PDB file of N, CA and C in Angstrom:
ATOM      1  N   MET A   1     -10.677-168.624 -93.412  1.00  0.00           N
ATOM      2  CA  MET A   1      -9.441-167.874 -93.524  1.00  0.00           C
ATOM      3  C   MET A   1      -8.456-168.658 -94.382  1.00  0.00           C
ATOM      4  N   THR A   2      -7.803-167.972 -95.291  1.00  0.00           N
ATOM      5  CA  THR A   2      -6.840-168.604 -96.186  1.00  0.00           C
ATOM      6  C   THR A   2      -5.554-168.907 -95.424  1.00  0.00           C
ATOM      7  N   PRO A   3      -5.028-170.126 -95.552  1.00  0.00           N
ATOM      8  CA  PRO A   3      -3.766-170.419 -94.871  1.00  0.00           C
ATOM      9  C   PRO A   3      -2.632-169.609 -95.484  1.00  0.00           C
ATOM     10  N   PRO A   4      -1.617-169.277 -94.684  1.00  0.00           N
ATOM     11  CA  PRO A   4      -0.503-168.498 -95.219  1.00  0.00           C
ATOM     12  C   PRO A   4       0.235-169.299 -96.287  1.00  0.00           C
ATOM     13  N   ILE A   5       0.801-168.566 -97.249  1.00  0.00           N
ATOM     14  CA  ILE A   5       1.596-169.256 -98.256  1.00  0.00           C
ATOM     15  C   ILE A   5       2.878-169.764 -97.614  1.00  0.00           C
ATOM     16  N   LYS A   6       3.401-170.833 -98.144  1.00  0.00           N
ATOM     17  CA  LYS A   6       4.648-171.404 -97.647  1.00  0.00           C
ATOM     18  C   LYS A   6       5.665-171.343 -98.773  1.00  0.00           C
ATOM     19  N   ILE A   7       6.708-170.572 -98.579  1.00  0.00           N
ATOM     20  CA  ILE A   7       7.771-170.406 -99.560  1.00  0.00           C
ATOM     21  C   ILE A   7       8.790-171.512 -99.328  1.00  0.00           C
ATOM     22  N   PRO A   8       9.020-172.375-100.315  1.00  0.00           N
ATOM     23  CA  PRO A   8       9.965-173.470-100.093  1.00  0.00           C
ATOM     24  C   PRO A   8      11.405-172.975-100.000  1.00  0.00           C
ATOM     25  N   ALA A   9      12.142-173.529 -99.073  1.00  0.00           N
ATOM     26  CA  ALA A   9      13.567-173.230 -98.905  1.00  0.00           C
ATOM     27  C   ALA A   9      14.238-174.475 -98.334  1.00  0.00           C
ATOM     28  N   PRO A  10      15.477-174.744 -98.719  1.00  0.00           N
ATOM     29  CA  PRO A  10      16.119-176.016 -98.369  1.00  0.00           C
ATOM     30  C   PRO A  10      16.760-176.060 -96.978  1.00  0.00           C
ATOM     31  N   PHE A  11      16.138-175.466 -95.986  1.00  0.00           N
ATOM     32  CA  PHE A  11      16.722-175.436 -94.649  1.00  0.00           C
ATOM     33  C   PHE A  11      15.666-175.804 -93.613  1.00  0.00           C
ATOM     34  N   TYR A  12      16.079-176.476 -92.556  1.00  0.00           N
ATOM     35  CA  TYR A  12      15.186-176.820 -91.457  1.00  0.00           C
ATOM     36  C   TYR A  12      14.903-175.593 -90.594  1.00  0.00           C
ATOM     37  N   CYS A  13      15.925-174.779 -90.355  1.00  0.00           N
ATOM     38  CA  CYS A  13      15.815-173.611 -89.472  1.00  0.00           C
ATOM     39  C   CYS A  13      14.979-172.503 -90.131  1.00  0.00           C
ATOM     40  N   PRO A  14      13.944-171.996 -89.442  1.00  0.00           N
ATOM     41  CA  PRO A  14      13.122-170.922 -90.015  1.00  0.00           C
ATOM     42  C   PRO A  14      13.912-169.640 -90.307  1.00  0.00           C
ATOM     43  N   ILE A  15      14.938-169.346 -89.509  1.00  0.00           N
ATOM     44  CA  ILE A  15      15.751-168.154 -89.775  1.00  0.00           C
ATOM     45  C   ILE A  15      16.536-168.350 -91.062  1.00  0.00           C
ATOM     46  N   ALA A  16      17.107-169.530 -91.243  1.00  0.00           N
ATOM     47  CA  ALA A  16      17.842-169.819 -92.479  1.00  0.00           C
ATOM     48  C   ALA A  16      16.911-169.758 -93.690  1.00  0.00           C
ATOM     49  N   ARG A  17      15.687-170.255 -93.537  1.00  0.00           N
ATOM     50  CA  ARG A  17      14.721-170.186 -94.644  1.00  0.00           C
ATOM     51  C   ARG A  17      14.376-168.736 -94.969  1.00  0.00           C
ATOM     52  N   SER A  18      14.198-167.923 -93.943  1.00  0.00           N
ATOM     53  CA  SER A  18      13.886-166.506 -94.160  1.00  0.00           C
ATOM     54  C   SER A  18      15.030-165.808 -94.886  1.00  0.00           C
ATOM     55  N   LEU A  19      16.250-166.090 -94.473  1.00  0.00           N
ATOM     56  CA  LEU A  19      17.404-165.481 -95.133  1.00  0.00           C
ATOM     57  C   LEU A  19      17.566-165.975 -96.561  1.00  0.00           C
ATOM     58  N   ASP A  20      17.156-167.210 -96.829  1.00  0.00           N
ATOM     59  CA  ASP A  20      17.201-167.715 -98.194  1.00  0.00           C
ATOM     60  C   ASP A  20      16.308-166.879 -99.104  1.00  0.00           C
ATOM     61  N   VAL A  21      15.223-166.372 -98.562  1.00  0.00           N
ATOM     62  CA  VAL A  21      14.280-165.562 -99.345  1.00  0.00           C
ATOM     63  C   VAL A  21      14.743-164.117 -99.441  1.00  0.00           C
ATOM     64  N   MET A  22      15.198-163.519 -98.344  1.00  0.00           N
ATOM     65  CA  MET A  22      15.467-162.083 -98.363  1.00  0.00           C
ATOM     66  C   MET A  22      16.836-161.678 -97.830  1.00  0.00           C
ATOM     67  N   GLY A  23      17.764-162.618 -97.754  1.00  0.00           N
ATOM     68  CA  GLY A  23      19.063-162.300 -97.181  1.00  0.00           C
ATOM     69  C   GLY A  23      20.119-161.832 -98.157  1.00  0.00           C
ATOM     70  N   GLU A  24      19.779-161.761 -99.442  1.00  0.00           N
ATOM     71  CA  GLU A  24      20.767-161.306-100.406  1.00  0.00           C
ATOM     72  C   GLU A  24      20.956-159.798-100.298  1.00  0.00           C
ATOM     73  N   ARG A  25      22.159-159.367-100.673  1.00  0.00           N
ATOM     74  CA  ARG A  25      22.463-157.945-100.636  1.00  0.00           C
ATOM     75  C   ARG A  25      21.414-157.179-101.437  1.00  0.00           C
ATOM     76  N   TRP A  26      20.971-156.068-100.951  1.00  0.00           N
ATOM     77  CA  TRP A  26      20.017-155.128-101.530  1.00  0.00           C
ATOM     78  C   TRP A  26      18.564-155.467-101.243  1.00  0.00           C
ATOM     79  N   THR A  27      18.219-156.709-100.957  1.00  0.00           N
ATOM     80  CA  THR A  27      16.814-157.082-100.825  1.00  0.00           C
ATOM     81  C   THR A  27      16.124-156.310 -99.704  1.00  0.00           C
ATOM     82  N   ILE A  28      16.759-156.214 -98.558  1.00  0.00           N
ATOM     83  CA  ILE A  28      16.149-155.486 -97.432  1.00  0.00           C
ATOM     84  C   ILE A  28      15.968-154.008 -97.779  1.00  0.00           C
ATOM     85  N   LEU A  29      16.910-153.438 -98.533  1.00  0.00           N
ATOM     86  CA  LEU A  29      16.779-152.026 -98.899  1.00  0.00           C
ATOM     87  C   LEU A  29      15.655-151.808 -99.915  1.00  0.00           C
ATOM     88  N   ILE A  30      15.417-152.776-100.777  1.00  0.00           N
ATOM     89  CA  ILE A  30      14.257-152.705-101.678  1.00  0.00           C
ATOM     90  C   ILE A  30      12.975-152.727-100.847  1.00  0.00           C
ATOM     91  N   LEU A  31      12.917-153.625 -99.878  1.00  0.00           N
ATOM     92  CA  LEU A  31      11.751-153.680 -98.994  1.00  0.00           C
ATOM     93  C   LEU A  31      11.601-152.381 -98.210  1.00  0.00           C
ATOM     94  N   ARG A  32      12.719-151.843 -97.714  1.00  0.00           N
ATOM     95  CA  ARG A  32      12.679-150.560 -96.990  1.00  0.00           C
ATOM     96  C   ARG A  32      12.007-149.492 -97.842  1.00  0.00           C
ATOM     97  N   ASP A  33      12.404-149.396 -99.119  1.00  0.00           N
ATOM     98  CA  ASP A  33      11.821-148.377 -99.985  1.00  0.00           C
ATOM     99  C   ASP A  33      10.325-148.596-100.191  1.00  0.00           C
ATOM    100  N   LEU A  34       9.909-149.846-100.325  1.00  0.00           N
ATOM    101  CA  LEU A  34       8.486-150.124-100.491  1.00  0.00           C
ATOM    102  C   LEU A  34       7.698-149.758 -99.237  1.00  0.00           C
ATOM    103  N   PHE A  35       8.267-149.986 -98.057  1.00  0.00           N
ATOM    104  CA  PHE A  35       7.590-149.584 -96.821  1.00  0.00           C
ATOM    105  C   PHE A  35       7.541-148.070 -96.693  1.00  0.00           C
ATOM    106  N   ARG A  36       8.629-147.393 -97.044  1.00  0.00           N
ATOM    107  CA  ARG A  36       8.687-145.937 -96.878  1.00  0.00           C
ATOM    108  C   ARG A  36       7.839-145.186 -97.895  1.00  0.00           C
ATOM    109  N   PHE A  37       7.876-145.630 -99.150  1.00  0.00           N
ATOM    110  CA  PHE A  37       7.299-144.826-100.228  1.00  0.00           C
ATOM    111  C   PHE A  37       6.085-145.452-100.900  1.00  0.00           C
ATOM    112  N   GLY A  38       5.765-146.692-100.593  1.00  0.00           N
ATOM    113  CA  GLY A  38       4.659-147.355-101.274  1.00  0.00           C
ATOM    114  C   GLY A  38       5.095-147.871-102.636  1.00  0.00           C
ATOM    115  N   PRO A  39       4.137-148.063-103.556  1.00  0.00           N
ATOM    116  CA  PRO A  39       4.477-148.614-104.867  1.00  0.00           C
ATOM    117  C   PRO A  39       5.600-147.827-105.542  1.00  0.00           C
ATOM    118  N   ARG A  40       6.511-148.586-106.164  1.00  0.00           N
ATOM    119  CA  ARG A  40       7.697-147.968-106.785  1.00  0.00           C
ATOM    120  C   ARG A  40       7.918-148.536-108.178  1.00  0.00           C
ATOM    121  N   LYS A  41       8.410-147.683-109.048  1.00  0.00           N
ATOM    122  CA  LYS A  41       8.813-148.104-110.385  1.00  0.00           C
ATOM    123  C   LYS A  41      10.295-148.508-110.345  1.00  0.00           C
ATOM    124  N   PHE A  42      10.721-149.261-111.331  1.00  0.00           N
ATOM    125  CA  PHE A  42      12.111-149.702-111.421  1.00  0.00           C
ATOM    126  C   PHE A  42      13.064-148.506-111.298  1.00  0.00           C
ATOM    127  N   GLN A  43      12.755-147.427-112.012  1.00  0.00           N
ATOM    128  CA  GLN A  43      13.595-146.235-111.993  1.00  0.00           C
ATOM    129  C   GLN A  43      13.658-145.596-110.608  1.00  0.00           C
ATOM    130  N   ASP A  44      12.585-145.700-109.842  1.00  0.00           N
ATOM    131  CA  ASP A  44      12.583-145.164-108.473  1.00  0.00           C
ATOM    132  C   ASP A  44      13.626-145.893-107.621  1.00  0.00           C
ATOM    133  N   PHE A  45      13.676-147.221-107.774  1.00  0.00           N
ATOM    134  CA  PHE A  45      14.682-147.987-107.027  1.00  0.00           C
ATOM    135  C   PHE A  45      16.086-147.600-107.478  1.00  0.00           C
ATOM    136  N   GLU A  46      16.272-147.429-108.767  1.00  0.00           N
ATOM    137  CA  GLU A  46      17.599-147.052-109.264  1.00  0.00           C
ATOM    138  C   GLU A  46      18.056-145.722-108.680  1.00  0.00           C
ATOM    139  N   ARG A  47      17.126-144.781-108.512  1.00  0.00           N
ATOM    140  CA  ARG A  47      17.479-143.477-107.927  1.00  0.00           C
ATOM    141  C   ARG A  47      17.805-143.590-106.436  1.00  0.00           C
ATOM    142  N   SER A  48      17.040-144.385-105.710  1.00  0.00           N
ATOM    143  CA  SER A  48      17.250-144.456-104.260  1.00  0.00           C
ATOM    144  C   SER A  48      18.375-145.426-103.873  1.00  0.00           C
ATOM    145  N   LEU A  49      18.747-146.316-104.790  1.00  0.00           N
ATOM    146  CA  LEU A  49      19.834-147.282-104.551  1.00  0.00           C
ATOM    147  C   LEU A  49      20.856-147.117-105.674  1.00  0.00           C
ATOM    148  N   PRO A  50      21.594-146.003-105.689  1.00  0.00           N
ATOM    149  CA  PRO A  50      22.414-145.664-106.863  1.00  0.00           C
ATOM    150  C   PRO A  50      23.542-146.657-107.176  1.00  0.00           C
ATOM    151  N   ARG A  51      23.952-147.467-106.230  1.00  0.00           N
ATOM    152  CA  ARG A  51      25.060-148.388-106.500  1.00  0.00           C
ATOM    153  C   ARG A  51      24.607-149.786-106.922  1.00  0.00           C
ATOM    154  N   ILE A  52      23.312-150.018-107.018  1.00  0.00           N
ATOM    155  CA  ILE A  52      22.822-151.328-107.445  1.00  0.00           C
ATOM    156  C   ILE A  52      22.813-151.380-108.979  1.00  0.00           C
ATOM    157  N   SER A  53      23.279-152.476-109.538  1.00  0.00           N
ATOM    158  CA  SER A  53      23.244-152.611-110.993  1.00  0.00           C
ATOM    159  C   SER A  53      21.820-152.962-111.431  1.00  0.00           C
ATOM    160  N   PRO A  54      21.444-152.578-112.650  1.00  0.00           N
ATOM    161  CA  PRO A  54      20.109-152.917-113.142  1.00  0.00           C
ATOM    162  C   PRO A  54      19.855-154.430-113.134  1.00  0.00           C
ATOM    163  N   ASN A  55      20.860-155.223-113.467  1.00  0.00           N
ATOM    164  CA  ASN A  55      20.683-156.679-113.463  1.00  0.00           C
ATOM    165  C   ASN A  55      20.407-157.202-112.065  1.00  0.00           C
ATOM    166  N   THR A  56      21.126-156.689-111.078  1.00  0.00           N
ATOM    167  CA  THR A  56      20.918-157.116-109.694  1.00  0.00           C
ATOM    168  C   THR A  56      19.544-156.682-109.207  1.00  0.00           C
ATOM    169  N   LEU A  57      19.164-155.451-109.485  1.00  0.00           N
ATOM    170  CA  LEU A  57      17.840-154.959-109.082  1.00  0.00           C
ATOM    171  C   LEU A  57      16.746-155.822-109.697  1.00  0.00           C
ATOM    172  N   SER A  58      16.884-156.111-110.970  1.00  0.00           N
ATOM    173  CA  SER A  58      15.906-156.943-111.652  1.00  0.00           C
ATOM    174  C   SER A  58      15.820-158.337-111.022  1.00  0.00           C
ATOM    175  N   ALA A  59      16.959-158.925-110.704  1.00  0.00           N
ATOM    176  CA  ALA A  59      16.984-160.262-110.088  1.00  0.00           C
ATOM    177  C   ALA A  59      16.342-160.248-108.709  1.00  0.00           C
ATOM    178  N   ARG A  60      16.617-159.221-107.906  1.00  0.00           N
ATOM    179  CA  ARG A  60      16.041-159.148-106.559  1.00  0.00           C
ATOM    180  C   ARG A  60      14.527-158.953-106.627  1.00  0.00           C
ATOM    181  N   LEU A  61      14.073-158.078-107.512  1.00  0.00           N
ATOM    182  CA  LEU A  61      12.629-157.868-107.656  1.00  0.00           C
ATOM    183  C   LEU A  61      11.944-159.138-108.146  1.00  0.00           C
ATOM    184  N   LYS A  62      12.573-159.836-109.069  1.00  0.00           N
ATOM    185  CA  LYS A  62      11.997-161.087-109.575  1.00  0.00           C
ATOM    186  C   LYS A  62      11.865-162.113-108.455  1.00  0.00           C
ATOM    187  N   ARG A  63      12.908-162.248-107.623  1.00  0.00           N
ATOM    188  CA  ARG A  63      12.868-163.206-106.504  1.00  0.00           C
ATOM    189  C   ARG A  63      11.772-162.826-105.510  1.00  0.00           C
ATOM    190  N   LEU A  64      11.658-161.546-105.184  1.00  0.00           N
ATOM    191  CA  LEU A  64      10.624-161.095-104.259  1.00  0.00           C
ATOM    192  C   LEU A  64       9.226-161.330-104.837  1.00  0.00           C
ATOM    193  N   GLU A  65       9.098-161.174-106.148  1.00  0.00           N
ATOM    194  CA  GLU A  65       7.812-161.437-106.792  1.00  0.00           C
ATOM    195  C   GLU A  65       7.512-162.936-106.803  1.00  0.00           C
ATOM    196  N   GLU A  66       8.508-163.762-107.115  1.00  0.00           N
ATOM    197  CA  GLU A  66       8.309-165.216-107.141  1.00  0.00           C
ATOM    198  C   GLU A  66       7.898-165.767-105.779  1.00  0.00           C
ATOM    199  N   THR A  67       8.408-165.165-104.722  1.00  0.00           N
ATOM    200  CA  THR A  67       8.089-165.641-103.377  1.00  0.00           C
ATOM    201  C   THR A  67       6.803-165.039-102.821  1.00  0.00           C
ATOM    202  N   GLY A  68       6.182-164.131-103.562  1.00  0.00           N
ATOM    203  CA  GLY A  68       4.914-163.563-103.129  1.00  0.00           C
ATOM    204  C   GLY A  68       5.036-162.417-102.142  1.00  0.00           C
ATOM    205  N   ILE A  69       6.242-161.909-101.942  1.00  0.00           N
ATOM    206  CA  ILE A  69       6.453-160.786-101.021  1.00  0.00           C
ATOM    207  C   ILE A  69       6.121-159.467-101.708  1.00  0.00           C
ATOM    208  N   VAL A  70       6.386-159.416-102.996  1.00  0.00           N
ATOM    209  CA  VAL A  70       6.142-158.220-103.804  1.00  0.00           C
ATOM    210  C   VAL A  70       5.246-158.612-104.970  1.00  0.00           C
ATOM    211  N   GLU A  71       4.388-157.696-105.354  1.00  0.00           N
ATOM    212  CA  GLU A  71       3.543-157.881-106.530  1.00  0.00           C
ATOM    213  C   GLU A  71       3.939-156.853-107.578  1.00  0.00           C
ATOM    214  N   ARG A  72       3.815-157.245-108.826  1.00  0.00           N
ATOM    215  CA  ARG A  72       4.072-156.325-109.940  1.00  0.00           C
ATOM    216  C   ARG A  72       2.736-155.977-110.565  1.00  0.00           C
ATOM    217  N   ARG A  73       2.500-154.681-110.723  1.00  0.00           N
ATOM    218  CA  ARG A  73       1.232-154.200-111.276  1.00  0.00           C
ATOM    219  C   ARG A  73       1.539-153.336-112.508  1.00  0.00           C
ATOM    220  N   PHE A  74       0.923-153.689-113.626  1.00  0.00           N
ATOM    221  CA  PHE A  74       1.144-152.927-114.856  1.00  0.00           C
ATOM    222  C   PHE A  74       0.215-151.725-114.882  1.00  0.00           C
ATOM    223  N   TYR A  75       0.763-150.569-115.239  1.00  0.00           N
ATOM    224  CA  TYR A  75      -0.054-149.370-115.306  1.00  0.00           C
ATOM    225  C   TYR A  75      -0.115-148.801-116.722  1.00  0.00           C
ATOM    226  N   VAL A  76       0.707-149.314-117.639  1.00  0.00           N
ATOM    227  CA  VAL A  76       0.640-148.977-119.061  1.00  0.00           C
ATOM    228  C   VAL A  76       0.858-150.281-119.817  1.00  0.00           C
ATOM    229  N   GLN A  77       0.066-150.504-120.856  1.00  0.00           N
ATOM    230  CA  GLN A  77       0.180-151.764-121.597  1.00  0.00           C
ATOM    231  C   GLN A  77       1.190-151.688-122.740  1.00  0.00           C
ATOM    232  N   HIS A  78       1.229-150.581-123.482  1.00  0.00           N
ATOM    233  CA  HIS A  78       2.132-150.478-124.636  1.00  0.00           C
ATOM    234  C   HIS A  78       2.905-149.186-124.556  1.00  0.00           C
ATOM    235  N   PRO A  79       4.195-149.186-124.328  1.00  0.00           N
ATOM    236  CA  PRO A  79       4.971-150.362-123.923  1.00  0.00           C
ATOM    237  C   PRO A  79       4.632-150.718-122.484  1.00  0.00           C
ATOM    238  N   PRO A  80       4.810-151.983-122.109  1.00  0.00           N
ATOM    239  CA  PRO A  80       4.447-152.378-120.739  1.00  0.00           C
ATOM    240  C   PRO A  80       5.294-151.646-119.703  1.00  0.00           C
ATOM    241  N   ARG A  81       4.620-151.076-118.728  1.00  0.00           N
ATOM    242  CA  ARG A  81       5.283-150.392-117.612  1.00  0.00           C
ATOM    243  C   ARG A  81       4.686-150.931-116.327  1.00  0.00           C
ATOM    244  N   ALA A  82       5.559-151.227-115.376  1.00  0.00           N
ATOM    245  CA  ALA A  82       5.084-151.842-114.135  1.00  0.00           C
ATOM    246  C   ALA A  82       5.575-151.068-112.924  1.00  0.00           C
ATOM    247  N   GLU A  83       4.858-151.240-111.850  1.00  0.00           N
ATOM    248  CA  GLU A  83       5.304-150.765-110.548  1.00  0.00           C
ATOM    249  C   GLU A  83       5.234-151.947-109.594  1.00  0.00           C
ATOM    250  N   TYR A  84       6.008-151.853-108.539  1.00  0.00           N
ATOM    251  CA  TYR A  84       6.106-152.931-107.562  1.00  0.00           C
ATOM    252  C   TYR A  84       5.507-152.460-106.251  1.00  0.00           C
ATOM    253  N   LEU A  85       4.788-153.369-105.592  1.00  0.00           N
ATOM    254  CA  LEU A  85       4.183-153.044-104.307  1.00  0.00           C
ATOM    255  C   LEU A  85       4.239-154.270-103.405  1.00  0.00           C
ATOM    256  N   LEU A  86       4.156-154.030-102.120  1.00  0.00           N
ATOM    257  CA  LEU A  86       4.168-155.124-101.158  1.00  0.00           C
ATOM    258  C   LEU A  86       2.853-155.885-101.199  1.00  0.00           C
ATOM    259  N   SER A  87       2.956-157.194-101.118  1.00  0.00           N
ATOM    260  CA  SER A  87       1.759-158.025-100.980  1.00  0.00           C
ATOM    261  C   SER A  87       1.375-158.067 -99.499  1.00  0.00           C
ATOM    262  N   LYS A  88       0.306-158.784 -99.182  1.00  0.00           N
ATOM    263  CA  LYS A  88      -0.063-158.958 -97.764  1.00  0.00           C
ATOM    264  C   LYS A  88       1.051-159.689 -97.021  1.00  0.00           C
ATOM    265  N   VAL A  89       1.659-160.669 -97.669  1.00  0.00           N
ATOM    266  CA  VAL A  89       2.780-161.394 -97.052  1.00  0.00           C
ATOM    267  C   VAL A  89       3.945-160.430 -96.820  1.00  0.00           C
ATOM    268  N   GLY A  90       4.214-159.570 -97.793  1.00  0.00           N
ATOM    269  CA  GLY A  90       5.284-158.588 -97.645  1.00  0.00           C
ATOM    270  C   GLY A  90       5.019-157.608 -96.513  1.00  0.00           C
ATOM    271  N   GLU A  91       3.762-157.192 -96.375  1.00  0.00           N
ATOM    272  CA  GLU A  91       3.410-156.257 -95.295  1.00  0.00           C
ATOM    273  C   GLU A  91       3.701-156.848 -93.915  1.00  0.00           C
ATOM    274  N   GLU A  92       3.654-158.172 -93.801  1.00  0.00           N
ATOM    275  CA  GLU A  92       3.942-158.809 -92.518  1.00  0.00           C
ATOM    276  C   GLU A  92       5.404-158.628 -92.091  1.00  0.00           C
ATOM    277  N   LEU A  93       6.253-158.170 -92.997  1.00  0.00           N
ATOM    278  CA  LEU A  93       7.667-157.947 -92.669  1.00  0.00           C
ATOM    279  C   LEU A  93       7.906-156.580 -92.007  1.00  0.00           C
ATOM    280  N   ARG A  94       6.872-155.756 -91.923  1.00  0.00           N
ATOM    281  CA  ARG A  94       7.043-154.414 -91.344  1.00  0.00           C
ATOM    282  C   ARG A  94       7.706-154.454 -89.960  1.00  0.00           C
ATOM    283  N   PRO A  95       7.250-155.296 -89.024  1.00  0.00           N
ATOM    284  CA  PRO A  95       7.907-155.303 -87.705  1.00  0.00           C
ATOM    285  C   PRO A  95       9.387-155.721 -87.773  1.00  0.00           C
ATOM    286  N   VAL A  96       9.726-156.546 -88.733  1.00  0.00           N
ATOM    287  CA  VAL A  96      11.131-156.962 -88.897  1.00  0.00           C
ATOM    288  C   VAL A  96      11.977-155.761 -89.307  1.00  0.00           C
ATOM    289  N   LEU A  97      11.481-154.985 -90.277  1.00  0.00           N
ATOM    290  CA  LEU A  97      12.219-153.808 -90.725  1.00  0.00           C
ATOM    291  C   LEU A  97      12.296-152.757 -89.616  1.00  0.00           C
ATOM    292  N   VAL A  98      11.219-152.588 -88.874  1.00  0.00           N
ATOM    293  CA  VAL A  98      11.228-151.631 -87.757  1.00  0.00           C
ATOM    294  C   VAL A  98      12.248-152.074 -86.711  1.00  0.00           C
ATOM    295  N   ALA A  99      12.319-153.363 -86.422  1.00  0.00           N
ATOM    296  CA  ALA A  99      13.301-153.864 -85.450  1.00  0.00           C
ATOM    297  C   ALA A  99      14.723-153.614 -85.943  1.00  0.00           C
ATOM    298  N   LEU A 100      14.982-153.829 -87.224  1.00  0.00           N
ATOM    299  CA  LEU A 100      16.316-153.544 -87.777  1.00  0.00           C
ATOM    300  C   LEU A 100      16.646-152.059 -87.673  1.00  0.00           C
ATOM    301  N   LEU A 101      15.665-151.219 -87.966  1.00  0.00           N
ATOM    302  CA  LEU A 101      15.849-149.777 -87.861  1.00  0.00           C
ATOM    303  C   LEU A 101      16.226-149.384 -86.434  1.00  0.00           C
ATOM    304  N   LYS A 102      15.456-149.873 -85.473  1.00  0.00           N
ATOM    305  CA  LYS A 102      15.712-149.509 -84.074  1.00  0.00           C
ATOM    306  C   LYS A 102      17.056-150.043 -83.596  1.00  0.00           C
ATOM    307  N   TRP A 103      17.401-151.256 -83.982  1.00  0.00           N
ATOM    308  CA  TRP A 103      18.691-151.818 -83.592  1.00  0.00           C
ATOM    309  C   TRP A 103      19.823-150.973 -84.184  1.00  0.00           C
ATOM    310  N   GLY A 104      19.676-150.606 -85.454  1.00  0.00           N
ATOM    311  CA  GLY A 104      20.694-149.784 -86.108  1.00  0.00           C
ATOM    312  C   GLY A 104      20.839-148.411 -85.470  1.00  0.00           C
ATOM    313  N   GLU A 105      19.718-147.821 -85.060  1.00  0.00           N
ATOM    314  CA  GLU A 105      19.787-146.516 -84.387  1.00  0.00           C
ATOM    315  C   GLU A 105      20.502-146.626 -83.047  1.00  0.00           C
ATOM    316  N   ARG A 106      20.263-147.729 -82.336  1.00  0.00           N
ATOM    317  CA  ARG A 106      20.858-147.915 -81.013  1.00  0.00           C
ATOM    318  C   ARG A 106      22.328-148.318 -81.051  1.00  0.00           C
ATOM    319  N   HIS A 107      22.709-149.143 -82.015  1.00  0.00           N
ATOM    320  CA  HIS A 107      24.016-149.784 -81.949  1.00  0.00           C
ATOM    321  C   HIS A 107      24.979-149.443 -83.074  1.00  0.00           C
ATOM    322  N   THR A 108      24.588-148.570 -83.998  1.00  0.00           N
ATOM    323  CA  THR A 108      25.493-148.178 -85.073  1.00  0.00           C
ATOM    324  C   THR A 108      25.478-146.670 -85.218  1.00  0.00           C
ATOM    325  N   GLU A 109      26.497-146.159 -85.894  1.00  0.00           N
ATOM    326  CA  GLU A 109      26.530-144.737 -86.206  1.00  0.00           C
ATOM    327  C   GLU A 109      27.115-144.559 -87.599  1.00  0.00           C
ATOM    328  N   TYR A 110      26.702-143.502 -88.257  1.00  0.00           N
ATOM    329  CA  TYR A 110      27.206-143.223 -89.587  1.00  0.00           C
ATOM    330  C   TYR A 110      28.638-142.720 -89.470  1.00  0.00           C
ATOM    331  N   ARG A 111      29.474-143.248 -90.309  1.00  0.00           N
ATOM    332  CA  ARG A 111      30.842-142.775 -90.417  1.00  0.00           C
ATOM    333  C   ARG A 111      31.171-142.733 -91.901  1.00  0.00           C
ATOM    334  N   ALA A 112      31.519-141.544 -92.411  1.00  0.00           N
ATOM    335  CA  ALA A 112      31.860-141.397 -93.831  1.00  0.00           C
ATOM    336  C   ALA A 112      33.045-142.300 -94.154  1.00  0.00           C
ATOM    337  N   PRO A 113      33.107-142.801 -95.382  1.00  0.00           N
ATOM    338  CA  PRO A 113      34.189-143.720 -95.752  1.00  0.00           C
ATOM    339  C   PRO A 113      35.588-143.208 -95.447  1.00  0.00           C
ATOM    340  N   ASP A 114      35.859-141.927 -95.598  1.00  0.00           N
ATOM    341  CA  ASP A 114      37.206-141.404 -95.328  1.00  0.00           C
ATOM    342  C   ASP A 114      37.502-141.332 -93.831  1.00  0.00           C
ATOM    343  N   GLU A 115      36.482-141.462 -92.976  1.00  0.00           N
ATOM    344  CA  GLU A 115      36.678-141.441 -91.523  1.00  0.00           C
ATOM    345  C   GLU A 115      36.904-142.849 -90.957  1.00  0.00           C
ATOM    346  N   ALA A 116      36.760-143.878 -91.794  1.00  0.00           N
ATOM    347  CA  ALA A 116      36.836-145.251 -91.303  1.00  0.00           C
ATOM    348  C   ALA A 116      38.235-145.630 -90.850  1.00  0.00           C
ATOM    349  N   ASN A 117      39.256-144.996 -91.352  1.00  0.00           N
ATOM    350  CA  ASN A 117      40.634-145.376 -90.983  1.00  0.00           C
ATOM    351  C   ASN A 117      41.166-144.562 -89.834  1.00  0.00           C
TER     352      ASN A 117
END
């Protein structure tokens, strides 16, 4: 059996190390989309996350790819076109996302921005 990959992070605490990898704004929502819809193209993320800038989306996908959570697969060579999918390491995050979903359903409610005041 292949040992799990170890993503380096400058923290002793495993929670802090995990957040170093996926705690930036938008990263969890990118993972959510990959769990919900499977492989996604850059444009798919832009449609489902309309307020994310292309530069930020690109940076988050690059970080997820560098850490081995997401893989990039080319489906056209000229011009190069890629789609992103979860790796085996990324698939291991499914229970984490499910726990966040359940916690959010139990302890939060949607309130439109104009209702916040």
